[in-house]
Amino acid sequence: MKQSVDMSDEGASAVSPKAAAGRRARKAEAAPDLVAPAVSHGGDVEQHIYQTVFDSVLNQRLTPGTKLPEPALCELFGVSRAVIRKVLQRLEHERIVELRPNKGAVIAAPTPEETRQIFEARRALEVSIVEIAARRHTAKDLADLRKLLAHEHEVTHNPYQPAWAACAREFHLRIAAVAGNPILTAYLTELMTRCSLIVALYQPTGNAACEHAEHGRIVDYMEKGDVASARAEMGRHLRALEDNISLDRGSSTQSLAQMLNLG
């Protein structure tokens, strides 16, 4: 697995708009919709805090190892420690944060080996899923996938990153829906969340090809009934995502409020 790449990310002046769009879409690859819900009652308050932290990780404001002290979070969100602890426990369950005894919560920092294992598991799962989908799809399934690809093409020109995230995620989950196995879909959803966090934590810096074209080729092979090529393309697609990850990330000099986009 590559741990560094040669070119800078989308902020580099020498990168073409098309290449930048490709990299931004790649970063969005497995990420969930990042729009936080409105806040009202107790459960919504907890969801709002959870979503704020989650968004800050996926949008690369909270870096690996960043401390999340309970007193500071209580003050920023105006809630009790009990509320913060419930949110942190949920984030720990989803491996977004680590709760260390006597040291508090920090943003998780997956090791290179953990990263390799997570992507390996996802490739193995999705290659099997696309094989099933390629054998079971109907004409309507293909038509729906084509509509999604058309929408995805439009979204690649949208500067709002969560729009790419939601669209890229939807493509992979739609393939799983075509396969028609809810157990596989549940496993894929969990792995996609973990992959998206890794991608967000360790920002790709290479000139990645736009995965929109790769998605299109997967559907083309499915339509042709070329199961072997669909499997191979899905494997290449996910391998490219992993290979564009750099595990070298510096710490932030921003305050916790700034990293959470609250100040």
C-alpha atoms as a PDB file:
ATOM      1  CA  MET A   1       0.000   0.000   0.000  1.00  0.00           C
ATOM      2  CA  LYS A   2       1.270   3.447  -0.875  1.00  0.00           C
ATOM      3  CA  GLN A   3       1.899   5.731   2.085  1.00  0.00           C
ATOM      4  CA  SER A   4       2.794   8.829   0.129  1.00  0.00           C
ATOM      5  CA  VAL A   5       2.355  10.190  -3.354  1.00  0.00           C
ATOM      6  CA  ASP A   6       4.089  12.756  -5.440  1.00  0.00           C
ATOM      7  CA  MET A   7       1.569  15.475  -6.222  1.00  0.00           C
ATOM      8  CA  SER A   8      -0.286  17.850  -3.921  1.00  0.00           C
ATOM      9  CA  ASP A   9      -4.052  17.727  -3.527  1.00  0.00           C
ATOM     10  CA  GLU A  10      -6.691  19.862  -5.169  1.00  0.00           C
ATOM     11  CA  GLY A  11      -5.249  23.087  -3.801  1.00  0.00           C
ATOM     12  CA  ALA A  12      -2.251  22.860  -6.138  1.00  0.00           C
ATOM     13  CA  SER A  13      -2.212  25.483  -8.844  1.00  0.00           C
ATOM     14  CA  ALA A  14      -0.817  23.123 -11.472  1.00  0.00           C
ATOM     15  CA  VAL A  15      -3.770  20.738 -11.340  1.00  0.00           C
ATOM     16  CA  SER A  16      -6.380  20.909 -14.077  1.00  0.00           C
ATOM     17  CA  PRO A  17     -10.055  21.371 -13.129  1.00  0.00           C
ATOM     18  CA  LYS A  18     -10.837  17.896 -14.462  1.00  0.00           C
ATOM     19  CA  ALA A  19      -8.120  16.263 -12.362  1.00  0.00           C
ATOM     20  CA  ALA A  20      -9.176  18.236  -9.295  1.00  0.00           C
ATOM     21  CA  ALA A  21     -12.765  17.120  -9.766  1.00  0.00           C
ATOM     22  CA  GLY A  22     -11.588  13.535 -10.045  1.00  0.00           C
ATOM     23  CA  ARG A  23      -9.654  13.728  -6.800  1.00  0.00           C
ATOM     24  CA  ARG A  24     -12.494  15.405  -4.950  1.00  0.00           C
ATOM     25  CA  ALA A  25     -14.858  12.709  -6.142  1.00  0.00           C
ATOM     26  CA  ARG A  26     -12.357  10.050  -5.081  1.00  0.00           C
ATOM     27  CA  LYS A  27     -12.236  11.526  -1.572  1.00  0.00           C
ATOM     28  CA  ALA A  28     -16.006  11.351  -1.466  1.00  0.00           C
ATOM     29  CA  GLU A  29     -15.971   7.734  -2.571  1.00  0.00           C
ATOM     30  CA  ALA A  30     -17.470   5.924   0.386  1.00  0.00           C
ATOM     31  CA  ALA A  31     -18.481   8.802   2.509  1.00  0.00           C
ATOM     32  CA  PRO A  32     -22.016   9.135   3.888  1.00  0.00           C
ATOM     33  CA  ASP A  33     -24.252  12.169   3.528  1.00  0.00           C
ATOM     34  CA  LEU A  34     -22.773  14.842   5.784  1.00  0.00           C
ATOM     35  CA  VAL A  35     -25.758  17.127   6.261  1.00  0.00           C
ATOM     36  CA  ALA A  36     -26.523  17.492   9.971  1.00  0.00           C
ATOM     37  CA  PRO A  37     -30.178  17.325  11.030  1.00  0.00           C
ATOM     38  CA  ALA A  38     -31.982  20.130  12.774  1.00  0.00           C
ATOM     39  CA  VAL A  39     -31.742  20.248  16.553  1.00  0.00           C
ATOM     40  CA  SER A  40     -34.848  20.038  18.711  1.00  0.00           C
ATOM     41  CA  HIS A  41     -35.282  17.516  21.538  1.00  0.00           C
ATOM     42  CA  GLY A  42     -32.718  15.513  23.508  1.00  0.00           C
ATOM     43  CA  GLY A  43     -32.123  12.813  20.900  1.00  0.00           C
ATOM     44  CA  ASP A  44     -31.709  15.424  18.206  1.00  0.00           C
ATOM     45  CA  VAL A  45     -29.172  17.296  20.340  1.00  0.00           C
ATOM     46  CA  GLU A  46     -27.074  14.142  20.617  1.00  0.00           C
ATOM     47  CA  GLN A  47     -27.422  13.533  16.874  1.00  0.00           C
ATOM     48  CA  HIS A  48     -26.371  17.111  16.154  1.00  0.00           C
ATOM     49  CA  ILE A  49     -23.211  16.750  18.266  1.00  0.00           C
ATOM     50  CA  TYR A  50     -22.447  13.387  16.705  1.00  0.00           C
ATOM     51  CA  GLN A  51     -22.954  14.753  13.191  1.00  0.00           C
ATOM     52  CA  THR A  52     -20.806  17.812  13.916  1.00  0.00           C
ATOM     53  CA  VAL A  53     -17.878  15.655  15.013  1.00  0.00           C
ATOM     54  CA  PHE A  54     -18.444  13.198  12.160  1.00  0.00           C
ATOM     55  CA  ASP A  55     -18.580  15.985   9.574  1.00  0.00           C
ATOM     56  CA  SER A  56     -15.430  17.546  10.987  1.00  0.00           C
ATOM     57  CA  VAL A  57     -13.587  14.259  10.557  1.00  0.00           C
ATOM     58  CA  LEU A  58     -14.863  13.633   7.032  1.00  0.00           C
ATOM     59  CA  ASN A  59     -14.094  17.207   6.006  1.00  0.00           C
ATOM     60  CA  GLN A  60     -10.574  16.862   7.463  1.00  0.00           C
ATOM     61  CA  ARG A  61     -10.839  19.520  10.149  1.00  0.00           C
ATOM     62  CA  LEU A  62     -10.363  16.998  12.973  1.00  0.00           C
ATOM     63  CA  THR A  63      -7.118  15.117  12.377  1.00  0.00           C
ATOM     64  CA  PRO A  64      -6.005  11.752  13.835  1.00  0.00           C
ATOM     65  CA  GLY A  65      -5.000  12.038  17.473  1.00  0.00           C
ATOM     66  CA  THR A  66      -6.931  15.267  18.114  1.00  0.00           C
ATOM     67  CA  LYS A  67      -8.127  15.361  21.717  1.00  0.00           C
ATOM     68  CA  LEU A  68     -11.842  15.792  22.459  1.00  0.00           C
ATOM     69  CA  PRO A  69     -11.940  16.893  26.119  1.00  0.00           C
ATOM     70  CA  GLU A  70     -15.353  16.539  27.720  1.00  0.00           C
ATOM     71  CA  PRO A  71     -15.334  19.956  29.482  1.00  0.00           C
ATOM     72  CA  ALA A  72     -14.573  21.747  26.228  1.00  0.00           C
ATOM     73  CA  LEU A  73     -17.288  19.866  24.341  1.00  0.00           C
ATOM     74  CA  CYS A  74     -19.808  20.585  27.111  1.00  0.00           C
ATOM     75  CA  GLU A  75     -19.052  24.287  26.857  1.00  0.00           C
ATOM     76  CA  LEU A  76     -19.115  24.389  23.058  1.00  0.00           C
ATOM     77  CA  PHE A  77     -22.456  22.588  22.773  1.00  0.00           C
ATOM     78  CA  GLY A  78     -24.036  23.761  26.036  1.00  0.00           C
ATOM     79  CA  VAL A  79     -24.862  20.276  27.281  1.00  0.00           C
ATOM     80  CA  SER A  80     -24.031  18.042  30.234  1.00  0.00           C
ATOM     81  CA  ARG A  81     -21.192  15.546  30.441  1.00  0.00           C
ATOM     82  CA  ALA A  82     -23.743  12.738  30.316  1.00  0.00           C
ATOM     83  CA  VAL A  83     -24.819  13.844  26.830  1.00  0.00           C
ATOM     84  CA  ILE A  84     -21.230  14.194  25.619  1.00  0.00           C
ATOM     85  CA  ARG A  85     -20.311  10.775  26.979  1.00  0.00           C
ATOM     86  CA  LYS A  86     -23.215   9.126  25.131  1.00  0.00           C
ATOM     87  CA  VAL A  87     -22.070  10.730  21.890  1.00  0.00           C
ATOM     88  CA  LEU A  88     -18.434   9.745  22.462  1.00  0.00           C
ATOM     89  CA  GLN A  89     -19.465   6.160  23.196  1.00  0.00           C
ATOM     90  CA  ARG A  90     -21.355   6.030  19.898  1.00  0.00           C
ATOM     91  CA  LEU A  91     -18.363   7.474  18.065  1.00  0.00           C
ATOM     92  CA  GLU A  92     -16.129   4.881  19.727  1.00  0.00           C
ATOM     93  CA  HIS A  93     -18.491   2.076  18.701  1.00  0.00           C
ATOM     94  CA  GLU A  94     -18.145   3.241  15.108  1.00  0.00           C
ATOM     95  CA  ARG A  95     -14.352   3.522  15.543  1.00  0.00           C
ATOM     96  CA  ILE A  96     -14.350   7.263  14.855  1.00  0.00           C
ATOM     97  CA  VAL A  97     -12.799   8.046  18.236  1.00  0.00           C
ATOM     98  CA  GLU A  98     -10.782   6.129  20.815  1.00  0.00           C
ATOM     99  CA  LEU A  99     -11.671   6.378  24.513  1.00  0.00           C
ATOM    100  CA  ARG A 100      -8.474   6.023  26.512  1.00  0.00           C
ATOM    101  CA  PRO A 101      -8.606   5.352  30.275  1.00  0.00           C
ATOM    102  CA  ASN A 102      -7.662   8.470  32.250  1.00  0.00           C
ATOM    103  CA  LYS A 103      -6.824  10.291  29.006  1.00  0.00           C
ATOM    104  CA  GLY A 104     -10.212  10.937  27.439  1.00  0.00           C
ATOM    105  CA  ALA A 105     -11.301  10.748  23.817  1.00  0.00           C
ATOM    106  CA  VAL A 106      -9.149  11.295  20.731  1.00  0.00           C
ATOM    107  CA  ILE A 107      -9.865  11.019  17.016  1.00  0.00           C
ATOM    108  CA  ALA A 108      -8.932   7.503  15.902  1.00  0.00           C
ATOM    109  CA  ALA A 109      -5.780   6.990  13.875  1.00  0.00           C
ATOM    110  CA  PRO A 110      -5.987   3.699  11.953  1.00  0.00           C
ATOM    111  CA  THR A 111      -2.616   2.052  11.521  1.00  0.00           C
ATOM    112  CA  PRO A 112      -1.310   1.103   8.061  1.00  0.00           C
ATOM    113  CA  GLU A 113      -2.104  -2.531   8.841  1.00  0.00           C
ATOM    114  CA  GLU A 114      -5.673  -1.737   9.944  1.00  0.00           C
ATOM    115  CA  THR A 115      -6.132   0.357   6.817  1.00  0.00           C
ATOM    116  CA  ARG A 116      -4.893  -2.488   4.624  1.00  0.00           C
ATOM    117  CA  GLN A 117      -7.220  -4.962   6.330  1.00  0.00           C
ATOM    118  CA  ILE A 118     -10.284  -2.735   6.018  1.00  0.00           C
ATOM    119  CA  PHE A 119      -9.758  -2.114   2.310  1.00  0.00           C
ATOM    120  CA  GLU A 120      -8.933  -5.768   1.717  1.00  0.00           C
ATOM    121  CA  ALA A 121     -12.211  -6.758   3.358  1.00  0.00           C
ATOM    122  CA  ARG A 122     -14.170  -4.229   1.336  1.00  0.00           C
ATOM    123  CA  ARG A 123     -12.646  -5.364  -1.953  1.00  0.00           C
ATOM    124  CA  ALA A 124     -13.400  -8.998  -1.208  1.00  0.00           C
ATOM    125  CA  LEU A 125     -16.989  -8.154  -0.293  1.00  0.00           C
ATOM    126  CA  GLU A 126     -17.778  -5.810  -3.178  1.00  0.00           C
ATOM    127  CA  VAL A 127     -16.206  -8.047  -5.802  1.00  0.00           C
ATOM    128  CA  SER A 128     -18.586 -10.782  -4.652  1.00  0.00           C
ATOM    129  CA  ILE A 129     -21.520  -8.366  -4.533  1.00  0.00           C
ATOM    130  CA  VAL A 130     -20.972  -7.099  -8.075  1.00  0.00           C
ATOM    131  CA  GLU A 131     -20.731 -10.696  -9.313  1.00  0.00           C
ATOM    132  CA  ILE A 132     -24.134 -11.462  -7.841  1.00  0.00           C
ATOM    133  CA  ALA A 133     -25.563  -8.207  -9.200  1.00  0.00           C
ATOM    134  CA  ALA A 134     -24.166  -8.901 -12.662  1.00  0.00           C
ATOM    135  CA  ARG A 135     -26.018 -12.213 -12.722  1.00  0.00           C
ATOM    136  CA  ARG A 136     -29.307 -11.062 -11.153  1.00  0.00           C
ATOM    137  CA  HIS A 137     -29.940  -7.582 -12.547  1.00  0.00           C
ATOM    138  CA  THR A 138     -33.075  -6.679 -14.453  1.00  0.00           C
ATOM    139  CA  ALA A 139     -33.582  -4.120 -17.213  1.00  0.00           C
ATOM    140  CA  LYS A 140     -35.073  -1.762 -14.625  1.00  0.00           C
ATOM    141  CA  ASP A 141     -32.016  -2.171 -12.377  1.00  0.00           C
ATOM    142  CA  LEU A 142     -29.750  -1.127 -15.234  1.00  0.00           C
ATOM    143  CA  ALA A 143     -31.990   1.812 -16.110  1.00  0.00           C
ATOM    144  CA  ASP A 144     -31.895   2.998 -12.500  1.00  0.00           C
ATOM    145  CA  LEU A 145     -28.108   2.677 -12.406  1.00  0.00           C
ATOM    146  CA  ARG A 146     -27.823   4.696 -15.622  1.00  0.00           C
ATOM    147  CA  LYS A 147     -29.968   7.444 -14.098  1.00  0.00           C
ATOM    148  CA  LEU A 148     -27.738   7.458 -11.043  1.00  0.00           C
ATOM    149  CA  LEU A 149     -24.635   7.707 -13.236  1.00  0.00           C
ATOM    150  CA  ALA A 150     -26.160  10.669 -15.079  1.00  0.00           C
ATOM    151  CA  HIS A 151     -26.783  12.385 -11.747  1.00  0.00           C
ATOM    152  CA  GLU A 152     -23.270  11.504 -10.615  1.00  0.00           C
ATOM    153  CA  HIS A 153     -21.854  13.171 -13.728  1.00  0.00           C
ATOM    154  CA  GLU A 154     -23.702  16.379 -12.855  1.00  0.00           C
ATOM    155  CA  VAL A 155     -22.577  16.236  -9.229  1.00  0.00           C
ATOM    156  CA  THR A 156     -18.888  16.052 -10.184  1.00  0.00           C
ATOM    157  CA  HIS A 157     -19.189  19.727 -11.154  1.00  0.00           C
ATOM    158  CA  ASN A 158     -20.748  20.665  -7.825  1.00  0.00           C
ATOM    159  CA  PRO A 159     -18.275  22.347  -5.420  1.00  0.00           C
ATOM    160  CA  TYR A 160     -20.201  20.982  -2.416  1.00  0.00           C
ATOM    161  CA  GLN A 161     -18.236  17.908  -1.299  1.00  0.00           C
ATOM    162  CA  PRO A 162     -21.087  16.181   0.585  1.00  0.00           C
ATOM    163  CA  ALA A 163     -23.017  16.000  -2.689  1.00  0.00           C
ATOM    164  CA  TRP A 164     -20.264  13.840  -4.199  1.00  0.00           C
ATOM    165  CA  ALA A 165     -20.102  11.816  -1.008  1.00  0.00           C
ATOM    166  CA  ALA A 166     -23.785  10.950  -1.032  1.00  0.00           C
ATOM    167  CA  CYS A 167     -23.787  10.125  -4.744  1.00  0.00           C
ATOM    168  CA  ALA A 168     -20.690   7.891  -4.641  1.00  0.00           C
ATOM    169  CA  ARG A 169     -22.044   6.071  -1.608  1.00  0.00           C
ATOM    170  CA  GLU A 170     -25.406   5.585  -3.285  1.00  0.00           C
ATOM    171  CA  PHE A 171     -23.802   3.938  -6.328  1.00  0.00           C
ATOM    172  CA  HIS A 172     -22.152   1.191  -4.282  1.00  0.00           C
ATOM    173  CA  LEU A 173     -25.215   0.622  -2.135  1.00  0.00           C
ATOM    174  CA  ARG A 174     -27.387   0.454  -5.267  1.00  0.00           C
ATOM    175  CA  ILE A 175     -25.180  -2.311  -6.664  1.00  0.00           C
ATOM    176  CA  ALA A 176     -25.637  -4.142  -3.364  1.00  0.00           C
ATOM    177  CA  ALA A 177     -29.411  -3.662  -3.604  1.00  0.00           C
ATOM    178  CA  VAL A 178     -29.363  -5.224  -7.070  1.00  0.00           C
ATOM    179  CA  ALA A 179     -27.522  -8.220  -5.600  1.00  0.00           C
ATOM    180  CA  GLY A 180     -30.506  -8.599  -3.276  1.00  0.00           C
ATOM    181  CA  ASN A 181     -28.738  -9.820  -0.142  1.00  0.00           C
ATOM    182  CA  PRO A 182     -29.486  -7.578   2.877  1.00  0.00           C
ATOM    183  CA  ILE A 183     -26.830  -9.277   4.992  1.00  0.00           C
ATOM    184  CA  LEU A 184     -24.107  -8.395   2.491  1.00  0.00           C
ATOM    185  CA  THR A 185     -25.529  -4.863   2.286  1.00  0.00           C
ATOM    186  CA  ALA A 186     -25.274  -4.455   6.063  1.00  0.00           C
ATOM    187  CA  TYR A 187     -21.645  -5.567   6.076  1.00  0.00           C
ATOM    188  CA  LEU A 188     -20.876  -3.269   3.147  1.00  0.00           C
ATOM    189  CA  THR A 189     -22.455  -0.270   4.875  1.00  0.00           C
ATOM    190  CA  GLU A 190     -20.196  -0.742   7.907  1.00  0.00           C
ATOM    191  CA  LEU A 191     -17.064  -1.170   5.790  1.00  0.00           C
ATOM    192  CA  MET A 192     -17.913   1.851   3.653  1.00  0.00           C
ATOM    193  CA  THR A 193     -18.195   4.031   6.742  1.00  0.00           C
ATOM    194  CA  ARG A 194     -14.796   2.898   7.988  1.00  0.00           C
ATOM    195  CA  CYS A 195     -13.233   3.375   4.550  1.00  0.00           C
ATOM    196  CA  SER A 196     -14.707   6.836   4.189  1.00  0.00           C
ATOM    197  CA  LEU A 197     -13.248   7.859   7.537  1.00  0.00           C
ATOM    198  CA  ILE A 198      -9.815   6.634   6.493  1.00  0.00           C
ATOM    199  CA  VAL A 199     -10.069   8.456   3.175  1.00  0.00           C
ATOM    200  CA  ALA A 200     -11.101  11.640   4.971  1.00  0.00           C
ATOM    201  CA  LEU A 201      -8.452  11.337   7.676  1.00  0.00           C
ATOM    202  CA  TYR A 202      -5.647  10.628   5.227  1.00  0.00           C
ATOM    203  CA  GLN A 203      -6.333  12.972   2.366  1.00  0.00           C
ATOM    204  CA  PRO A 204      -5.365  11.613  -1.060  1.00  0.00           C
ATOM    205  CA  THR A 205      -2.701  13.727  -2.720  1.00  0.00           C
ATOM    206  CA  GLY A 206      -2.235  11.959  -6.051  1.00  0.00           C
ATOM    207  CA  ASN A 207      -3.761  12.714  -9.422  1.00  0.00           C
ATOM    208  CA  ALA A 208      -6.540  10.157  -9.119  1.00  0.00           C
ATOM    209  CA  ALA A 209      -8.677   9.255 -12.105  1.00  0.00           C
ATOM    210  CA  CYS A 210     -12.318  10.216 -11.684  1.00  0.00           C
ATOM    211  CA  GLU A 211     -14.197   7.224 -10.388  1.00  0.00           C
ATOM    212  CA  HIS A 212     -17.281   8.266 -12.353  1.00  0.00           C
ATOM    213  CA  ALA A 213     -15.751   6.603 -15.428  1.00  0.00           C
ATOM    214  CA  GLU A 214     -14.941   3.516 -13.378  1.00  0.00           C
ATOM    215  CA  HIS A 215     -18.522   3.334 -12.136  1.00  0.00           C
ATOM    216  CA  GLY A 216     -19.682   3.572 -15.739  1.00  0.00           C
ATOM    217  CA  ARG A 217     -17.463   0.689 -16.818  1.00  0.00           C
ATOM    218  CA  ILE A 218     -18.800  -1.486 -14.004  1.00  0.00           C
ATOM    219  CA  VAL A 219     -22.368  -0.928 -15.210  1.00  0.00           C
ATOM    220  CA  ASP A 220     -21.303  -1.528 -18.834  1.00  0.00           C
ATOM    221  CA  TYR A 221     -19.879  -4.922 -17.913  1.00  0.00           C
ATOM    222  CA  MET A 222     -22.979  -5.779 -15.917  1.00  0.00           C
ATOM    223  CA  GLU A 223     -25.173  -4.936 -18.897  1.00  0.00           C
ATOM    224  CA  LYS A 224     -23.060  -7.139 -21.174  1.00  0.00           C
ATOM    225  CA  GLY A 225     -23.231  -9.994 -18.712  1.00  0.00           C
ATOM    226  CA  ASP A 226     -19.428  -9.953 -18.480  1.00  0.00           C
ATOM    227  CA  VAL A 227     -19.188 -11.069 -14.863  1.00  0.00           C
ATOM    228  CA  ALA A 228     -15.414 -11.542 -14.836  1.00  0.00           C
ATOM    229  CA  SER A 229     -14.773  -8.019 -16.130  1.00  0.00           C
ATOM    230  CA  ALA A 230     -17.273  -6.506 -13.682  1.00  0.00           C
ATOM    231  CA  ARG A 231     -15.438  -8.227 -10.824  1.00  0.00           C
ATOM    232  CA  ALA A 232     -12.046  -7.094 -12.102  1.00  0.00           C
ATOM    233  CA  GLU A 233     -13.184  -3.482 -12.598  1.00  0.00           C
ATOM    234  CA  MET A 234     -14.644  -3.268  -9.099  1.00  0.00           C
ATOM    235  CA  GLY A 235     -11.405  -4.638  -7.680  1.00  0.00           C
ATOM    236  CA  ARG A 236      -9.303  -2.103  -9.618  1.00  0.00           C
ATOM    237  CA  HIS A 237     -11.656   0.689  -8.618  1.00  0.00           C
ATOM    238  CA  LEU A 238     -11.286   0.011  -4.897  1.00  0.00           C
ATOM    239  CA  ARG A 239      -7.564  -0.701  -5.163  1.00  0.00           C
ATOM    240  CA  ALA A 240      -7.075   2.724  -6.763  1.00  0.00           C
ATOM    241  CA  LEU A 241      -8.921   4.342  -3.864  1.00  0.00           C
ATOM    242  CA  GLU A 242      -6.637   2.635  -1.356  1.00  0.00           C
ATOM    243  CA  ASP A 243      -3.484   3.387  -3.322  1.00  0.00           C
ATOM    244  CA  ASN A 244      -4.212   7.114  -3.283  1.00  0.00           C
ATOM    245  CA  ILE A 245      -4.220   7.300   0.519  1.00  0.00           C
ATOM    246  CA  SER A 246      -1.312   8.949   2.293  1.00  0.00           C
ATOM    247  CA  LEU A 247      -0.864   8.062   5.960  1.00  0.00           C
ATOM    248  CA  ASP A 248       1.299  11.139   6.578  1.00  0.00           C
ATOM    249  CA  ARG A 249      -0.876  13.836   8.149  1.00  0.00           C
ATOM    250  CA  GLY A 250       0.306  16.690  10.343  1.00  0.00           C
ATOM    251  CA  SER A 251      -1.488  17.966  13.433  1.00  0.00           C
ATOM    252  CA  SER A 252      -3.757  21.010  13.263  1.00  0.00           C
ATOM    253  CA  THR A 253      -2.991  24.352  14.892  1.00  0.00           C
ATOM    254  CA  GLN A 254      -6.673  25.342  15.040  1.00  0.00           C
ATOM    255  CA  SER A 255      -8.742  25.445  18.210  1.00  0.00           C
ATOM    256  CA  LEU A 256     -11.282  22.701  18.892  1.00  0.00           C
ATOM    257  CA  ALA A 257     -14.110  25.129  18.135  1.00  0.00           C
ATOM    258  CA  GLN A 258     -12.551  25.957  14.745  1.00  0.00           C
ATOM    259  CA  MET A 259     -12.020  22.302  13.896  1.00  0.00           C
ATOM    260  CA  LEU A 260     -15.679  21.619  14.727  1.00  0.00           C
ATOM    261  CA  ASN A 261     -16.663  24.599  12.580  1.00  0.00           C
ATOM    262  CA  LEU A 262     -18.203  26.287  15.631  1.00  0.00           C
ATOM    263  CA  GLY A 263     -15.866  29.247  15.902  1.00  0.00           C
END
